[in-house]
């Protein structure tokens, strides 16, 4: 099995988080041997490492660039030391020029497996023209990009007495995906392969609603009753004109989806029906998702009443090897 959503907490990153946010910031215990032990317990042969939110930018561009570079160099070294690890590089966003330079370095020189992006930076969601220079770089490298949610100002201000990641993270993913679709990113940057965390947020559930509104309001000619095209102009509608429901749903299906924290027949069934098993990959979200959560998810996934056996096999490995061909060769279990 291949885990495309395994987080890392390198020492330099832990120290930077504590310096920026104090000792109350969440920094799970992590090191490479612990990660390999977790992988062994769960039957994971290979895992693609990434940082979680909040990333590496805490207000200073130069510091973010140095921290990103240090983390990415450490990721590259871990991949050399153990063939069981791959890595999604981190970038010093929202410093777009510095992020472009680091993306060129990690994809061209370090040959990391892809890039991890957050859903938004300083309240600006992916899909905004601000990020177009970076998407040009990623498209030129045919990059695989893991989109991971991060709390926006709106999420932080909700005021519910529950962790922001419990409910708001899926909504943040959904906002970013809708913005990417209506920004016509798939047409303009067709070589980027995006993986959505946590089952794609609520995209499988809301896809018809989003597509119906696009077809019957957002893309109607402005002189037709009920049209909202002039109030909410988008690059997608400017290029494609009036959309059908199937047009927009196809664009929403154009992503890949990991199953981190998606563990029952309702969630997995909806995801598989919407995206198809060739677009669904295994992800654990460890160590932010505790072993107990991952164990419950794996037990659910192993139940043929939850996921058909053949679909379970594809989620475990085949879908990931289509994105990461180097992982087709099963890796010998090893310890650091």
Protein backbone atom coordinates (compact mmCIF):
# COMPACT_ATOMS: atom_id res chain seq x y z
CA UNK A 1 0.00 0.00 0.00
CA UNK A 2 1.18 3.54 -0.80
CA UNK A 3 0.38 6.44 1.52
CA UNK A 4 0.27 9.78 -0.30
CA UNK A 5 -0.66 11.78 2.81
CA UNK A 6 1.92 11.09 5.52
CA UNK A 7 3.09 14.18 7.36
CA UNK A 8 6.57 14.93 8.62
CA UNK A 9 7.80 17.09 11.48
CA UNK A 10 11.54 17.65 10.91
CA UNK A 11 13.41 19.14 13.85
CA UNK A 12 14.10 22.45 12.14
CA UNK A 13 10.41 22.82 11.30
CA UNK A 14 9.31 21.96 14.85
CA UNK A 15 11.71 24.57 16.23
CA UNK A 16 10.47 27.19 13.74
CA UNK A 17 6.84 26.56 14.66
CA UNK A 18 7.53 26.90 18.39
CA UNK A 19 9.52 30.09 17.83
CA UNK A 20 6.68 31.57 15.75
CA UNK A 21 3.66 30.38 17.74
CA UNK A 22 4.85 29.26 21.17
CA UNK A 23 4.78 25.89 22.88
CA UNK A 24 1.00 25.58 22.45
CA UNK A 25 1.34 24.91 18.72
CA UNK A 26 0.59 21.35 17.65
CA UNK A 27 3.82 19.49 16.89
CA UNK A 28 3.24 15.71 16.90
CA UNK A 29 6.10 13.42 17.81
CA UNK A 30 7.82 12.37 14.60
CA UNK A 31 11.08 11.03 13.29
CA UNK A 32 11.95 8.72 10.36
CA UNK A 33 12.15 5.50 12.44
CA UNK A 34 8.75 6.24 14.01
CA UNK A 35 7.31 6.84 10.53
CA UNK A 36 8.68 3.54 9.25
CA UNK A 37 7.29 1.72 12.30
CA UNK A 38 3.88 3.22 11.62
CA UNK A 39 4.11 2.20 7.97
CA UNK A 40 5.02 -1.37 8.95
CA UNK A 41 2.06 -1.62 11.33
CA UNK A 42 -0.33 -0.43 8.63
CA UNK A 43 1.06 -2.39 5.69
CA UNK A 44 2.38 0.72 3.92
CA UNK A 45 5.32 -0.02 1.65
CA UNK A 46 5.97 3.58 0.54
CA UNK A 47 4.84 7.00 1.71
CA UNK A 48 5.05 10.51 0.28
CA UNK A 49 6.03 12.91 3.07
CA UNK A 50 4.69 16.45 3.36
CA UNK A 51 4.32 19.26 5.86
CA UNK A 52 0.89 20.10 7.19
CA UNK A 53 -0.50 23.59 7.84
CA UNK A 54 0.64 26.26 8.52
CA UNK A 55 3.56 25.69 6.14
CA UNK A 56 6.78 27.68 6.37
CA UNK A 57 5.77 31.34 6.01
CA UNK A 58 5.28 33.15 9.31
CA UNK A 59 5.50 36.70 8.02
CA UNK A 60 9.03 37.02 6.64
CA UNK A 61 9.73 36.06 3.02
CA UNK A 62 13.45 35.40 3.43
CA UNK A 63 12.98 33.29 6.54
CA UNK A 64 10.25 31.30 4.78
CA UNK A 65 12.53 30.72 1.81
CA UNK A 66 15.39 29.47 3.98
CA UNK A 67 13.09 27.24 6.04
CA UNK A 68 11.47 25.76 2.92
CA UNK A 69 14.85 25.10 1.39
CA UNK A 70 16.11 23.41 4.56
CA UNK A 71 13.03 21.20 4.88
CA UNK A 72 13.16 20.22 1.21
CA UNK A 73 16.86 19.36 1.42
CA UNK A 74 16.08 17.19 4.45
CA UNK A 75 13.25 15.50 2.55
CA UNK A 76 15.62 14.79 -0.34
CA UNK A 77 18.16 13.24 2.04
CA UNK A 78 15.48 11.06 3.65
CA UNK A 79 14.51 9.79 0.19
CA UNK A 80 18.15 8.83 -0.40
CA UNK A 81 18.46 7.10 2.97
CA UNK A 82 15.24 5.11 2.55
CA UNK A 83 13.66 4.22 -0.78
CA UNK A 84 10.38 3.82 1.10
CA UNK A 85 10.04 7.61 1.40
CA UNK A 86 9.03 10.08 -1.25
CA UNK A 87 8.31 13.76 -0.64
CA UNK A 88 6.09 16.65 -1.63
CA UNK A 89 8.18 19.81 -1.39
CA UNK A 90 7.04 22.82 0.59
CA UNK A 91 7.19 26.35 -0.85
CA UNK A 92 7.54 29.78 0.81
CA UNK A 93 4.13 31.06 -0.27
CA UNK A 94 2.66 33.65 -0.43
CA UNK A 95 6.07 34.87 -1.70
CA UNK A 96 5.32 33.82 -5.28
CA UNK A 97 8.68 34.66 -6.89
CA UNK A 98 10.59 32.80 -4.21
CA UNK A 99 8.14 29.92 -4.49
CA UNK A 100 8.72 29.70 -8.24
CA UNK A 101 12.48 29.54 -7.72
CA UNK A 102 12.17 26.83 -5.07
CA UNK A 103 9.74 24.83 -7.21
CA UNK A 104 12.25 24.87 -10.08
CA UNK A 105 14.96 23.67 -7.69
CA UNK A 106 13.05 20.85 -6.00
CA UNK A 107 11.49 19.51 -9.20
CA UNK A 108 14.51 20.03 -11.43
CA UNK A 109 17.52 19.44 -9.16
CA UNK A 110 16.25 17.49 -6.14
CA UNK A 111 13.76 15.45 -8.19
CA UNK A 112 11.20 15.33 -5.38
CA UNK A 113 7.90 13.66 -6.16
CA UNK A 114 5.79 16.78 -6.24
CA UNK A 115 4.66 19.89 -4.40
CA UNK A 116 2.36 20.44 -1.44
CA UNK A 117 0.19 23.57 -1.56
CA UNK A 118 -2.22 24.93 1.01
CA UNK A 119 -5.76 25.84 0.02
CA UNK A 120 -5.13 29.54 0.65
CA UNK A 121 -2.44 31.95 1.78
CA UNK A 122 -3.34 35.17 3.59
CA UNK A 123 -6.96 34.63 2.57
CA UNK A 124 -6.18 34.27 -1.16
CA UNK A 125 -7.33 30.89 -2.47
CA UNK A 126 -5.65 28.76 -5.09
CA UNK A 127 -7.00 29.72 -8.49
CA UNK A 128 -6.41 33.42 -7.92
CA UNK A 129 -4.28 35.01 -10.68
CA UNK A 130 -1.66 35.77 -8.01
CA UNK A 131 -0.51 32.16 -8.29
CA UNK A 132 -0.44 31.90 -12.09
CA UNK A 133 3.38 32.29 -12.34
CA UNK A 134 3.81 29.35 -9.98
CA UNK A 135 1.26 27.25 -11.86
CA UNK A 136 3.22 27.92 -15.06
CA UNK A 137 6.31 26.41 -13.41
CA UNK A 138 4.38 23.42 -12.09
CA UNK A 139 2.73 22.85 -15.46
CA UNK A 140 6.11 22.92 -17.23
CA UNK A 141 7.30 20.14 -14.89
CA UNK A 142 4.04 18.13 -15.14
CA UNK A 143 4.02 18.29 -11.35
CA UNK A 144 1.90 16.29 -8.96
CA UNK A 145 0.45 18.69 -6.39
CA UNK A 146 -1.09 17.73 -3.06
CA UNK A 147 -3.61 20.35 -1.96
CA UNK A 148 -3.84 20.44 1.82
CA UNK A 149 -6.32 22.59 3.72
CA UNK A 150 -5.23 25.39 5.99
CA UNK A 151 -7.48 27.56 8.15
CA UNK A 152 -8.39 30.88 6.59
CA UNK A 153 -9.42 33.95 8.54
CA UNK A 154 -13.04 32.95 7.92
CA UNK A 155 -12.49 29.46 9.34
CA UNK A 156 -10.75 30.79 12.43
CA UNK A 157 -13.57 33.24 13.15
CA UNK A 158 -16.42 30.71 13.15
CA UNK A 159 -16.29 30.42 16.93
CA UNK A 160 -17.28 26.78 17.36
CA UNK A 161 -15.79 24.94 20.32
CA UNK A 162 -14.25 22.23 18.15
CA UNK A 163 -10.86 21.98 16.44
CA UNK A 164 -10.72 23.88 13.16
CA UNK A 165 -9.51 20.76 11.34
CA UNK A 166 -12.60 18.74 12.33
CA UNK A 167 -15.09 20.64 10.14
CA UNK A 168 -13.48 23.67 8.53
CA UNK A 169 -10.68 21.82 6.72
CA UNK A 170 -13.06 20.03 4.31
CA UNK A 171 -14.81 23.33 3.61
CA UNK A 172 -11.48 25.05 2.91
CA UNK A 173 -10.63 22.31 0.39
CA UNK A 174 -14.02 22.75 -1.27
CA UNK A 175 -13.56 26.52 -1.61
CA UNK A 176 -10.15 26.10 -3.20
CA UNK A 177 -11.37 23.44 -5.64
CA UNK A 178 -14.34 25.51 -6.81
CA UNK A 179 -12.04 28.50 -7.30
CA UNK A 180 -9.58 26.39 -9.32
CA UNK A 181 -12.37 25.08 -11.54
CA UNK A 182 -13.92 28.48 -12.27
CA UNK A 183 -10.47 29.98 -12.81
CA UNK A 184 -10.17 27.47 -15.69
CA UNK A 185 -6.92 26.08 -14.29
CA UNK A 186 -7.41 22.64 -15.86
CA UNK A 187 -7.54 24.20 -19.33
CA UNK A 188 -4.71 26.68 -18.78
CA UNK A 189 -2.35 24.34 -16.92
CA UNK A 190 -3.33 20.88 -18.15
CA UNK A 191 -0.15 19.06 -17.10
CA UNK A 192 -0.58 19.57 -13.35
CA UNK A 193 -2.06 16.59 -11.49
CA UNK A 194 -3.83 17.74 -8.32
CA UNK A 195 -4.55 15.46 -5.35
CA UNK A 196 -7.22 16.67 -2.94
CA UNK A 197 -6.85 15.77 0.72
CA UNK A 198 -9.51 14.19 2.93
CA UNK A 199 -11.79 12.83 0.22
CA UNK A 200 -11.94 16.16 -1.59
CA UNK A 201 -13.71 17.98 1.20
CA UNK A 202 -17.43 18.00 0.39
CA UNK A 203 -16.97 18.13 -3.38
CA UNK A 204 -18.50 14.65 -4.01
CA UNK A 205 -21.62 15.67 -2.09
CA UNK A 206 -21.94 19.19 -3.53
CA UNK A 207 -20.83 18.51 -7.10
CA UNK A 208 -24.32 18.41 -8.60
CA UNK A 209 -25.37 21.57 -6.73
CA UNK A 210 -22.28 23.44 -7.91
CA UNK A 211 -22.71 22.20 -11.48
CA UNK A 212 -26.42 23.01 -11.60
CA UNK A 213 -25.84 26.57 -10.43
CA UNK A 214 -23.05 26.92 -12.99
CA UNK A 215 -25.30 25.65 -15.78
CA UNK A 216 -28.49 27.52 -14.96
CA UNK A 217 -27.23 30.76 -13.42
CA UNK A 218 -23.50 31.47 -13.64
CA UNK A 219 -23.10 30.63 -17.33
CA UNK A 220 -26.45 31.79 -18.69
CA UNK A 221 -26.19 34.71 -21.14
CA UNK A 222 -26.57 37.93 -19.18
CA UNK A 223 -29.79 38.86 -20.99
CA UNK A 224 -31.57 35.67 -19.88
CA UNK A 225 -33.77 35.83 -16.80
CA UNK A 226 -32.00 34.40 -13.75
CA UNK A 227 -28.50 34.85 -15.17
CA UNK A 228 -25.77 35.73 -12.69
CA UNK A 229 -22.98 35.82 -15.26
CA UNK A 230 -22.40 39.56 -15.03
CA UNK A 231 -22.39 39.50 -11.21
CA UNK A 232 -19.95 36.58 -10.96
CA UNK A 233 -17.73 36.56 -14.07
CA UNK A 234 -15.29 33.65 -14.34
CA UNK A 235 -12.51 32.63 -16.72
CA UNK A 236 -14.20 29.28 -17.25
CA UNK A 237 -17.42 30.81 -18.54
CA UNK A 238 -15.54 33.43 -20.56
CA UNK A 239 -13.83 30.59 -22.44
CA UNK A 240 -16.46 27.85 -22.53
CA UNK A 241 -19.70 29.80 -22.66
CA UNK A 242 -22.80 28.14 -21.34
CA UNK A 243 -22.02 25.02 -19.33
CA UNK A 244 -24.02 21.87 -18.88
CA UNK A 245 -24.22 20.11 -15.54
CA UNK A 246 -22.01 17.34 -16.90
CA UNK A 247 -19.41 19.89 -18.06
CA UNK A 248 -18.77 21.19 -14.56
CA UNK A 249 -19.03 17.80 -12.88
CA UNK A 250 -16.39 16.49 -15.29
CA UNK A 251 -14.07 19.31 -14.28
CA UNK A 252 -14.64 18.52 -10.60
CA UNK A 253 -13.84 14.87 -11.32
CA UNK A 254 -10.58 15.89 -12.97
CA UNK A 255 -8.78 15.83 -9.60
CA UNK A 256 -7.33 12.91 -7.67
CA UNK A 257 -8.59 12.32 -4.14
CA UNK A 258 -6.96 10.79 -1.08
CA UNK A 259 -9.05 9.03 1.56
CA UNK A 260 -7.42 10.47 4.69
CA UNK A 261 -10.06 10.66 7.45
CA UNK A 262 -12.69 9.26 5.10
CA UNK A 263 -13.55 5.95 6.65
CA UNK A 264 -17.11 4.71 6.20
CA UNK A 265 -19.41 3.43 3.50
CA UNK A 266 -21.19 6.77 3.16
CA UNK A 267 -18.05 8.84 2.63
CA UNK A 268 -16.01 6.30 0.68
CA UNK A 269 -19.00 5.14 -1.32
CA UNK A 270 -19.86 8.68 -2.39
CA UNK A 271 -16.24 9.37 -3.29
CA UNK A 272 -15.83 6.19 -5.33
CA UNK A 273 -19.12 6.74 -7.14
CA UNK A 274 -18.21 10.33 -7.92
CA UNK A 275 -14.52 10.05 -8.81
CA UNK A 276 -14.05 6.40 -9.80
CA UNK A 277 -11.52 4.08 -8.18
CA UNK A 278 -8.73 5.11 -10.58
CA UNK A 279 -8.77 8.60 -9.05
CA UNK A 280 -8.78 7.59 -5.37
CA UNK A 281 -5.60 7.06 -3.35
CA UNK A 282 -4.81 5.97 0.18
CA UNK A 283 -3.77 8.61 2.70
CA UNK A 284 -3.42 8.30 6.47
CA UNK A 285 -2.77 11.89 7.68
CA UNK A 286 -0.46 10.41 10.33
CA UNK A 287 0.80 11.60 12.81
CA UNK A 288 -1.81 14.37 12.99
CA UNK A 289 -4.41 11.61 12.67
CA UNK A 290 -3.64 9.34 15.63
CA UNK A 291 -2.92 5.64 15.17
CA UNK A 292 -6.37 4.85 16.62
CA UNK A 293 -8.09 6.83 13.86
CA UNK A 294 -5.97 5.25 11.13
CA UNK A 295 -6.61 1.76 12.56
CA UNK A 296 -10.37 2.35 12.49
CA UNK A 297 -10.15 3.66 8.93
CA UNK A 298 -8.15 0.65 7.74
CA UNK A 299 -10.56 -1.77 9.43
CA UNK A 300 -13.44 -0.06 7.65
CA UNK A 301 -11.64 -0.13 4.30
CA UNK A 302 -10.95 -3.85 4.71
CA UNK A 303 -14.68 -4.54 5.05
CA UNK A 304 -15.97 -5.64 1.60
CA UNK A 305 -19.36 -4.18 2.49
CA UNK A 306 -17.71 -0.77 2.69
CA UNK A 307 -15.38 -1.03 -0.34
CA UNK A 308 -15.39 -3.80 -2.95
CA UNK A 309 -12.19 -5.85 -2.75
CA UNK A 310 -10.90 -4.86 -6.20
CA UNK A 311 -11.53 -1.17 -5.50
CA UNK A 312 -9.68 -1.55 -2.20
CA UNK A 313 -6.65 -2.92 -4.05
CA UNK A 314 -6.60 -0.02 -6.48
CA UNK A 315 -6.92 2.55 -3.69
CA UNK A 316 -4.06 0.87 -1.87
CA UNK A 317 -1.56 0.92 -4.71
CA UNK A 318 -2.58 1.03 -8.37
CA UNK A 319 -3.95 4.56 -8.42
CA UNK A 320 -0.80 5.93 -6.76
CA UNK A 321 1.59 4.18 -9.13
CA UNK A 322 -0.17 5.87 -12.05
CA UNK A 323 1.03 9.20 -10.58
CA UNK A 324 4.35 7.93 -9.22
CA UNK A 325 5.63 5.26 -11.63
CA UNK A 326 8.86 4.82 -9.68
CA UNK A 327 6.80 3.26 -6.87
CA UNK A 328 5.61 0.38 -9.07
CA UNK A 329 8.50 -1.70 -7.75
CA UNK A 330 7.60 -2.84 -4.28
CA UNK A 331 10.12 -1.59 -1.75
CA UNK A 332 11.86 -3.87 0.70
CA UNK A 333 10.93 -3.15 4.33
CA UNK A 334 13.82 -1.44 6.08
CA UNK A 335 14.53 0.53 9.24
CA UNK A 336 16.60 3.63 9.88
